[in-house]
Amino acid sequence: MSKTEILAELPRLSAPERAEILDCLWHLEEAAGPTEREKTLLNEAQANYDANPSAGAPWREVEARLRGRA
């Protein structure tokens, strides 16, 4: 089955079937680990934090702002 056929079939699946596929995809991604680009971005973010830890905000604050509660 080609990628095009798989993508065309996805909308025809039930919600539990799509959830199962999503779960399998997440497990595959987790097993693969971060790409070299992702590693570079993570290292840059860590270096920025190490240089200025007070510039960041705790996740709860960020999430609240994103959800419009702050």
C-alpha atoms as a PDB file:
ATOM      1  CA  MET A   1       0.000   0.000   0.000  1.00  0.00           C
ATOM      2  CA  SER A   2       1.386   3.378  -0.965  1.00  0.00           C
ATOM      3  CA  LYS A   3       1.575   6.400   1.301  1.00  0.00           C
ATOM      4  CA  THR A   4      -1.128   8.079  -0.796  1.00  0.00           C
ATOM      5  CA  GLU A   5      -3.427   5.100  -0.303  1.00  0.00           C
ATOM      6  CA  ILE A   6      -2.757   5.023   3.429  1.00  0.00           C
ATOM      7  CA  LEU A   7      -3.511   8.740   3.779  1.00  0.00           C
ATOM      8  CA  ALA A   8      -6.706   8.351   1.748  1.00  0.00           C
ATOM      9  CA  GLU A   9      -7.835   5.491   4.001  1.00  0.00           C
ATOM     10  CA  LEU A  10      -7.292   7.315   7.324  1.00  0.00           C
ATOM     11  CA  PRO A  11     -10.537   9.354   7.249  1.00  0.00           C
ATOM     12  CA  ARG A  12     -12.495   6.138   6.716  1.00  0.00           C
ATOM     13  CA  LEU A  13     -11.218   4.590   9.938  1.00  0.00           C
ATOM     14  CA  SER A  14     -13.044   4.746  13.237  1.00  0.00           C
ATOM     15  CA  ALA A  15     -11.760   6.978  16.026  1.00  0.00           C
ATOM     16  CA  PRO A  16     -10.360   3.978  17.981  1.00  0.00           C
ATOM     17  CA  GLU A  17      -8.568   2.727  14.864  1.00  0.00           C
ATOM     18  CA  ARG A  18      -7.014   6.154  14.259  1.00  0.00           C
ATOM     19  CA  ALA A  19      -6.008   6.351  17.927  1.00  0.00           C
ATOM     20  CA  GLU A  20      -4.291   2.973  17.628  1.00  0.00           C
ATOM     21  CA  ILE A  21      -2.382   4.143  14.558  1.00  0.00           C
ATOM     22  CA  LEU A  22      -1.413   7.386  16.270  1.00  0.00           C
ATOM     23  CA  ASP A  23      -0.159   5.443  19.277  1.00  0.00           C
ATOM     24  CA  CYS A  24       1.957   3.218  17.032  1.00  0.00           C
ATOM     25  CA  LEU A  25       3.396   6.255  15.249  1.00  0.00           C
ATOM     26  CA  TRP A  26       4.310   7.928  18.560  1.00  0.00           C
ATOM     27  CA  HIS A  27       6.070   4.766  19.718  1.00  0.00           C
ATOM     28  CA  LEU A  28       8.041   4.642  16.467  1.00  0.00           C
ATOM     29  CA  GLU A  29       9.062   8.293  16.854  1.00  0.00           C
ATOM     30  CA  GLU A  30      10.074   7.806  20.484  1.00  0.00           C
ATOM     31  CA  ALA A  31      12.158   4.772  19.570  1.00  0.00           C
ATOM     32  CA  ALA A  32      13.919   6.704  16.806  1.00  0.00           C
ATOM     33  CA  GLY A  33      14.907   9.507  19.179  1.00  0.00           C
ATOM     34  CA  PRO A  34      15.557  13.115  18.218  1.00  0.00           C
ATOM     35  CA  THR A  35      16.967  13.984  14.811  1.00  0.00           C
ATOM     36  CA  GLU A  36      20.285  15.796  14.512  1.00  0.00           C
ATOM     37  CA  ARG A  37      18.377  19.049  13.887  1.00  0.00           C
ATOM     38  CA  GLU A  38      16.262  18.474  17.008  1.00  0.00           C
ATOM     39  CA  LYS A  39      19.404  17.736  19.037  1.00  0.00           C
ATOM     40  CA  THR A  40      20.922  20.992  17.812  1.00  0.00           C
ATOM     41  CA  LEU A  41      17.793  22.945  18.774  1.00  0.00           C
ATOM     42  CA  LEU A  42      17.678  21.299  22.210  1.00  0.00           C
ATOM     43  CA  ASN A  43      21.361  22.064  22.812  1.00  0.00           C
ATOM     44  CA  GLU A  44      20.839  25.684  21.769  1.00  0.00           C
ATOM     45  CA  ALA A  45      17.832  26.018  24.062  1.00  0.00           C
ATOM     46  CA  GLN A  46      19.790  24.522  26.958  1.00  0.00           C
ATOM     47  CA  ALA A  47      22.721  26.874  26.332  1.00  0.00           C
ATOM     48  CA  ASN A  48      20.340  29.860  26.270  1.00  0.00           C
ATOM     49  CA  TYR A  49      18.782  28.737  29.535  1.00  0.00           C
ATOM     50  CA  ASP A  50      22.180  28.132  31.143  1.00  0.00           C
ATOM     51  CA  ALA A  51      23.269  31.644  30.127  1.00  0.00           C
ATOM     52  CA  ASN A  52      20.110  33.310  31.454  1.00  0.00           C
ATOM     53  CA  PRO A  53      17.817  31.041  33.501  1.00  0.00           C
ATOM     54  CA  SER A  54      15.634  33.918  34.703  1.00  0.00           C
ATOM     55  CA  ALA A  55      14.547  34.687  31.113  1.00  0.00           C
ATOM     56  CA  GLY A  56      12.318  31.621  31.066  1.00  0.00           C
ATOM     57  CA  ALA A  57       8.996  30.879  32.726  1.00  0.00           C
ATOM     58  CA  PRO A  58       7.620  27.761  34.387  1.00  0.00           C
ATOM     59  CA  TRP A  59       5.453  25.587  32.155  1.00  0.00           C
ATOM     60  CA  ARG A  60       2.318  26.337  34.225  1.00  0.00           C
ATOM     61  CA  GLU A  61       2.690  30.050  33.480  1.00  0.00           C
ATOM     62  CA  VAL A  62       3.335  29.471  29.794  1.00  0.00           C
ATOM     63  CA  GLU A  63       0.386  27.111  29.495  1.00  0.00           C
ATOM     64  CA  ALA A  64      -1.886  29.575  31.314  1.00  0.00           C
ATOM     65  CA  ARG A  65      -0.877  32.364  28.911  1.00  0.00           C
ATOM     66  CA  LEU A  66      -1.444  30.106  25.916  1.00  0.00           C
ATOM     67  CA  ARG A  67      -4.879  29.159  27.201  1.00  0.00           C
ATOM     68  CA  GLY A  68      -5.705  32.804  27.926  1.00  0.00           C
ATOM     69  CA  ARG A  69      -6.010  32.446  31.680  1.00  0.00           C
ATOM     70  CA  ALA A  70      -3.195  34.787  32.605  1.00  0.00           C
END
